[in-house]
């Protein structure tokens, strides 16, 4: 499942093509994805200008002039591909936004939704949503996206400075669930996923098995722990966004260097390797929590 940095990478890739463009035509090549398409799906998108492309947690939001807002979710296997007209300035005439670490389909059989868009300058392109497993979806929000049932209960974003130690402690106070499970609760913090929680806990030196509420107790130690964890969460998300995500692979920046965050994983998918923390001497272990793999070092994460 793509995590927040991957979705943000996709948003940034779509933004230059879609923002300010007019949707000339939409093709829906089946009646549904995970859910049926909304009533009058094609009609309500046609001839609309896209005023902004946003993101909330792992959801993309396409704001249309005069409404509605289109909410998109990639699901487990969804991806967007841009195909530009011959006179486009884009160097690649068929660019997938992210060549995913877990390979994404380019087969036209799985091209389920096609947006035909025209830029303010008259350039034409096709933005194609491909989803072999059809766990993604597209729904309308008639008002602000946060009022939609899919987004209404989401917690604070783990970007910027809003998530600090004090807020994190207030969210986790009294919670007896394992710390990792609590951090994956989208009602508390929106957009955190398995990879980045494992990485943030390692950076903060906290065990994924400890009770979540232990870092919200009175006293200096708990405050230091909550501050360290909040800083680690913000930093690992910021680093991953800057690198272009981690589910993505084989991206070469303009200077020729690889840009994706999987090359910086400290613990995720590194079972049996020495812990990279200086002076630790431990090894990375893999355990299963709530059906998901957790990677951590029991020596330095307490």
Protein backbone atom coordinates (compact mmCIF):
# COMPACT_ATOMS: atom_id res chain seq x y z
CA UNK A 1 0.00 0.00 0.00
CA UNK A 2 1.56 3.35 -0.97
CA UNK A 3 2.22 5.55 2.05
CA UNK A 4 1.97 9.30 2.47
CA UNK A 5 5.32 10.20 0.82
CA UNK A 6 4.48 8.10 -2.25
CA UNK A 7 1.07 9.77 -2.56
CA UNK A 8 2.69 13.18 -2.16
CA UNK A 9 5.19 12.23 -4.88
CA UNK A 10 2.32 11.33 -7.19
CA UNK A 11 0.54 14.60 -6.36
CA UNK A 12 3.63 16.62 -7.19
CA UNK A 13 4.03 14.73 -10.46
CA UNK A 14 0.41 15.36 -11.48
CA UNK A 15 0.32 18.97 -10.36
CA UNK A 16 2.12 20.60 -13.34
CA UNK A 17 -0.14 18.79 -15.82
CA UNK A 18 -3.48 19.06 -14.02
CA UNK A 19 -3.61 22.32 -12.08
CA UNK A 20 -5.23 24.96 -14.25
CA UNK A 21 -6.10 22.43 -16.96
CA UNK A 22 -9.57 21.78 -18.34
CA UNK A 23 -10.95 18.26 -18.39
CA UNK A 24 -12.11 17.89 -21.99
CA UNK A 25 -13.32 14.33 -21.64
CA UNK A 26 -13.22 11.40 -19.20
CA UNK A 27 -13.34 7.71 -20.00
CA UNK A 28 -14.51 5.23 -17.35
CA UNK A 29 -13.85 1.81 -18.82
CA UNK A 30 -15.76 -0.08 -16.16
CA UNK A 31 -18.60 0.86 -13.80
CA UNK A 32 -16.57 0.63 -10.59
CA UNK A 33 -13.25 0.27 -8.82
CA UNK A 34 -13.45 -0.63 -5.14
CA UNK A 35 -16.76 1.23 -5.13
CA UNK A 36 -19.10 2.16 -7.99
CA UNK A 37 -18.30 5.49 -9.60
CA UNK A 38 -20.55 8.34 -8.36
CA UNK A 39 -23.73 9.19 -10.21
CA UNK A 40 -23.07 11.30 -13.33
CA UNK A 41 -19.33 10.74 -12.82
CA UNK A 42 -18.34 11.60 -16.38
CA UNK A 43 -20.79 14.47 -16.82
CA UNK A 44 -19.74 16.23 -13.61
CA UNK A 45 -16.06 16.14 -14.59
CA UNK A 46 -16.34 17.10 -18.25
CA UNK A 47 -15.42 20.70 -19.11
CA UNK A 48 -14.41 21.44 -15.51
CA UNK A 49 -11.20 23.34 -14.74
CA UNK A 50 -8.95 21.84 -12.07
CA UNK A 51 -8.18 24.65 -9.63
CA UNK A 52 -5.96 22.71 -7.22
CA UNK A 53 -4.58 19.26 -6.58
CA UNK A 54 -4.20 18.45 -2.90
CA UNK A 55 -3.49 15.62 -0.52
CA UNK A 56 -4.98 14.61 2.83
CA UNK A 57 -3.23 11.63 4.44
CA UNK A 58 -3.10 9.02 1.64
CA UNK A 59 -5.89 10.60 -0.41
CA UNK A 60 -5.50 12.83 -3.46
CA UNK A 61 -8.03 15.66 -3.79
CA UNK A 62 -8.82 17.22 -7.17
CA UNK A 63 -10.61 20.56 -6.69
CA UNK A 64 -12.84 21.55 -9.60
CA UNK A 65 -14.07 25.04 -10.45
CA UNK A 66 -17.62 25.26 -9.14
CA UNK A 67 -17.26 21.86 -7.41
CA UNK A 68 -17.32 19.06 -6.60
CA UNK A 69 -13.99 17.77 -5.22
CA UNK A 70 -12.81 14.43 -6.59
CA UNK A 71 -11.25 12.23 -3.91
CA UNK A 72 -8.85 9.57 -5.24
CA UNK A 73 -7.18 6.68 -3.43
CA UNK A 74 -4.50 4.51 -5.05
CA UNK A 75 -5.44 1.38 -3.14
CA UNK A 76 -2.84 -1.39 -3.23
CA UNK A 77 -1.92 -1.39 -6.91
CA UNK A 78 -3.13 1.90 -8.37
CA UNK A 79 -0.90 4.29 -10.28
CA UNK A 80 -1.22 7.30 -12.56
CA UNK A 81 0.47 7.59 -15.93
CA UNK A 82 0.80 10.72 -18.06
CA UNK A 83 0.82 10.56 -21.84
CA UNK A 84 1.55 13.86 -23.51
CA UNK A 85 0.83 14.96 -27.06
CA UNK A 86 3.72 14.95 -29.53
CA UNK A 87 4.35 18.68 -29.13
CA UNK A 88 4.69 18.41 -25.35
CA UNK A 89 7.83 19.63 -23.64
CA UNK A 90 7.86 16.55 -21.40
CA UNK A 91 10.91 14.47 -22.41
CA UNK A 92 9.16 11.13 -21.98
CA UNK A 93 5.91 10.68 -23.88
CA UNK A 94 4.63 8.09 -21.43
CA UNK A 95 5.64 8.83 -17.86
CA UNK A 96 4.45 6.76 -14.93
CA UNK A 97 4.47 8.82 -11.77
CA UNK A 98 6.79 6.60 -9.80
CA UNK A 99 8.22 3.34 -11.02
CA UNK A 100 7.12 1.46 -7.95
CA UNK A 101 9.35 -0.84 -5.90
CA UNK A 102 6.56 -3.40 -6.13
CA UNK A 103 6.15 -3.23 -9.89
CA UNK A 104 3.11 -1.33 -11.18
CA UNK A 105 1.18 -2.41 -14.25
CA UNK A 106 1.38 -0.51 -17.53
CA UNK A 107 -0.98 -2.92 -19.27
CA UNK A 108 -3.84 -1.11 -20.99
CA UNK A 109 -6.13 -3.89 -19.77
CA UNK A 110 -5.97 -2.25 -16.33
CA UNK A 111 -6.37 1.35 -17.55
CA UNK A 112 -9.73 2.01 -15.91
CA UNK A 113 -10.06 5.81 -15.95
CA UNK A 114 -8.60 8.21 -18.52
CA UNK A 115 -8.69 12.00 -18.10
CA UNK A 116 -8.24 13.92 -21.37
CA UNK A 117 -7.02 17.36 -20.30
CA UNK A 118 -6.12 20.60 -22.04
CA UNK A 119 -3.60 22.97 -20.47
CA UNK A 120 -4.18 26.74 -20.35
CA UNK A 121 -1.73 26.99 -23.27
CA UNK A 122 -3.66 24.48 -25.34
CA UNK A 123 -1.42 21.45 -24.83
CA UNK A 124 -3.23 18.13 -24.64
CA UNK A 125 -2.46 15.13 -22.47
CA UNK A 126 -4.00 12.00 -21.05
CA UNK A 127 -3.80 11.15 -17.35
CA UNK A 128 -4.49 7.45 -16.92
CA UNK A 129 -5.40 5.60 -13.73
CA UNK A 130 -4.27 1.97 -13.85
CA UNK A 131 -5.26 -0.46 -11.08
CA UNK A 132 -5.04 -4.25 -11.60
CA UNK A 133 -6.49 -5.16 -8.20
CA UNK A 134 -9.10 -2.38 -8.24
CA UNK A 135 -8.72 -1.49 -4.56
CA UNK A 136 -8.44 2.19 -5.45
CA UNK A 137 -11.45 4.44 -5.74
CA UNK A 138 -12.75 7.82 -6.92
CA UNK A 139 -15.57 9.57 -5.07
CA UNK A 140 -17.05 13.06 -4.99
CA UNK A 141 -17.14 15.41 -2.02
CA UNK A 142 -19.78 18.11 -2.34
CA UNK A 143 -18.12 20.34 0.22
CA UNK A 144 -14.64 20.60 1.72
CA UNK A 145 -12.84 17.24 1.50
CA UNK A 146 -12.55 16.97 5.29
CA UNK A 147 -16.34 16.77 5.52
CA UNK A 148 -16.47 13.59 3.45
CA UNK A 149 -16.97 10.40 5.53
CA UNK A 150 -13.70 8.95 4.18
CA UNK A 151 -11.70 11.91 5.52
CA UNK A 152 -13.80 13.32 8.35
CA UNK A 153 -12.27 11.20 11.10
CA UNK A 154 -8.62 11.58 10.13
CA UNK A 155 -6.13 12.82 12.67
CA UNK A 156 -3.33 15.36 12.48
CA UNK A 157 -0.95 15.34 9.51
CA UNK A 158 2.59 14.15 10.34
CA UNK A 159 4.13 17.00 8.34
CA UNK A 160 5.21 20.45 9.40
CA UNK A 161 5.39 21.43 13.06
CA UNK A 162 1.80 20.71 14.12
CA UNK A 163 2.77 17.29 15.47
CA UNK A 164 5.02 18.04 18.44
CA UNK A 165 5.80 16.10 21.58
CA UNK A 166 3.04 17.73 23.59
CA UNK A 167 0.35 16.93 21.03
CA UNK A 168 1.66 13.39 20.55
CA UNK A 169 1.55 12.77 24.29
CA UNK A 170 -2.03 14.04 24.46
CA UNK A 171 -3.03 11.65 21.64
CA UNK A 172 -1.41 8.63 23.29
CA UNK A 173 -2.26 9.35 26.92
CA UNK A 174 -3.79 6.33 28.64
CA UNK A 175 -3.55 4.07 25.60
CA UNK A 176 -2.50 0.51 26.40
CA UNK A 177 -2.12 -0.66 22.81
CA UNK A 178 1.42 -1.29 21.54
CA UNK A 179 3.09 1.93 20.48
CA UNK A 180 3.35 0.91 16.85
CA UNK A 181 -0.34 -0.02 16.64
CA UNK A 182 -1.34 3.33 18.14
CA UNK A 183 0.77 5.23 15.64
CA UNK A 184 -0.94 3.41 12.79
CA UNK A 185 -4.36 4.54 14.02
CA UNK A 186 -5.42 7.00 11.32
CA UNK A 187 -7.81 8.70 13.76
CA UNK A 188 -4.80 9.92 15.70
CA UNK A 189 -2.18 10.63 13.03
CA UNK A 190 -3.23 10.64 9.39
CA UNK A 191 -1.13 9.00 6.72
CA UNK A 192 1.43 7.12 8.79
CA UNK A 193 2.03 3.61 7.48
CA UNK A 194 4.01 0.52 8.34
CA UNK A 195 7.32 1.55 6.80
CA UNK A 196 7.62 4.99 8.34
CA UNK A 197 6.41 4.00 11.79
CA UNK A 198 9.14 1.35 11.95
CA UNK A 199 11.74 3.88 10.83
CA UNK A 200 10.55 6.63 13.21
CA UNK A 201 10.51 4.31 16.23
CA UNK A 202 14.10 3.29 15.47
CA UNK A 203 15.19 6.90 15.17
CA UNK A 204 13.55 7.70 18.51
CA UNK A 205 14.96 4.59 20.22
CA UNK A 206 11.53 3.33 21.26
CA UNK A 207 10.29 -0.24 21.14
CA UNK A 208 7.22 -0.92 18.98
CA UNK A 209 6.05 -3.30 21.72
CA UNK A 210 5.85 -0.85 24.63
CA UNK A 211 2.47 0.52 25.70
CA UNK A 212 1.67 3.70 23.82
CA UNK A 213 0.68 5.57 26.97
CA UNK A 214 4.11 5.15 28.55
CA UNK A 215 5.48 8.11 26.61
CA UNK A 216 2.63 10.29 27.87
CA UNK A 217 3.18 9.84 31.60
CA UNK A 218 4.26 12.70 33.87
CA UNK A 219 7.97 13.25 34.21
CA UNK A 220 11.06 14.23 32.30
CA UNK A 221 11.74 10.83 30.71
CA UNK A 222 8.33 10.52 29.08
CA UNK A 223 8.53 14.10 27.82
CA UNK A 224 11.90 13.42 26.24
CA UNK A 225 10.49 10.30 24.61
CA UNK A 226 7.41 12.00 23.21
CA UNK A 227 9.50 14.91 21.93
CA UNK A 228 11.98 12.53 20.30
CA UNK A 229 9.25 10.47 18.67
CA UNK A 230 7.39 13.49 17.30
CA UNK A 231 10.63 14.85 15.86
CA UNK A 232 11.49 11.44 14.37
CA UNK A 233 8.06 11.11 12.72
CA UNK A 234 8.26 14.56 11.14
CA UNK A 235 11.84 14.01 10.02
CA UNK A 236 11.36 10.59 8.45
CA UNK A 237 8.30 11.77 6.52
CA UNK A 238 10.09 14.92 5.38
CA UNK A 239 13.17 12.94 4.32
CA UNK A 240 11.05 10.45 2.39
CA UNK A 241 9.08 13.17 0.60
CA UNK A 242 12.33 14.94 -0.31
CA UNK A 243 13.69 11.67 -1.69
CA UNK A 244 10.50 10.89 -3.59
CA UNK A 245 8.99 8.20 -1.40
CA UNK A 246 10.13 4.68 -0.67
CA UNK A 247 7.80 2.34 -2.52
CA UNK A 248 9.25 3.92 -5.64
CA UNK A 249 12.42 2.74 -7.34
CA UNK A 250 14.91 3.50 -10.11
CA UNK A 251 14.37 7.25 -10.11
CA UNK A 252 17.45 9.15 -11.25
CA UNK A 253 17.71 12.81 -10.35
CA UNK A 254 19.12 15.38 -12.76
CA UNK A 255 22.60 14.89 -11.29
CA UNK A 256 22.37 11.13 -11.88
CA UNK A 257 21.98 10.13 -8.23
CA UNK A 258 19.32 7.74 -7.05
CA UNK A 259 16.66 9.63 -5.16
CA UNK A 260 14.41 7.22 -3.33
CA UNK A 261 14.26 6.71 0.40
CA UNK A 262 14.39 2.90 0.39
CA UNK A 263 18.17 3.30 0.09
CA UNK A 264 18.08 5.01 3.50
CA UNK A 265 16.04 2.43 5.42
CA UNK A 266 17.61 1.80 8.80
CA UNK A 267 15.44 -1.14 9.86
CA UNK A 268 12.60 -1.79 7.40
CA UNK A 269 13.14 -5.04 5.45
CA UNK A 270 16.63 -5.43 6.98
CA UNK A 271 16.03 -8.50 9.15
CA UNK A 272 19.26 -10.02 10.45
CA UNK A 273 21.46 -7.07 9.53
CA UNK A 274 23.52 -5.21 12.16
CA UNK A 275 21.76 -2.21 13.67
CA UNK A 276 23.16 0.90 11.96
CA UNK A 277 23.04 2.99 15.14
CA UNK A 278 26.59 3.84 16.15
CA UNK A 279 27.80 1.76 19.09
CA UNK A 280 24.62 -0.32 19.38
CA UNK A 281 25.92 -3.79 18.48
CA UNK A 282 22.42 -5.23 18.07
CA UNK A 283 20.71 -6.72 15.03
CA UNK A 284 17.47 -5.96 13.24
CA UNK A 285 14.64 -8.37 14.04
CA UNK A 286 11.31 -8.94 12.34
CA UNK A 287 8.15 -9.60 14.33
CA UNK A 288 4.49 -9.58 13.33
CA UNK A 289 2.05 -7.15 14.93
CA UNK A 290 -1.60 -7.17 13.89
CA UNK A 291 -0.68 -9.08 10.75
CA UNK A 292 2.03 -6.61 9.70
CA UNK A 293 5.80 -6.95 9.73
CA UNK A 294 7.62 -4.83 12.28
CA UNK A 295 11.38 -4.34 12.04
CA UNK A 296 13.31 -3.11 15.07
CA UNK A 297 16.42 -3.50 17.22
CA UNK A 298 15.66 -4.80 20.69
CA UNK A 299 19.09 -3.61 21.91
CA UNK A 300 18.64 0.12 21.37
CA UNK A 301 14.84 0.40 21.15
CA UNK A 302 13.45 0.19 24.66
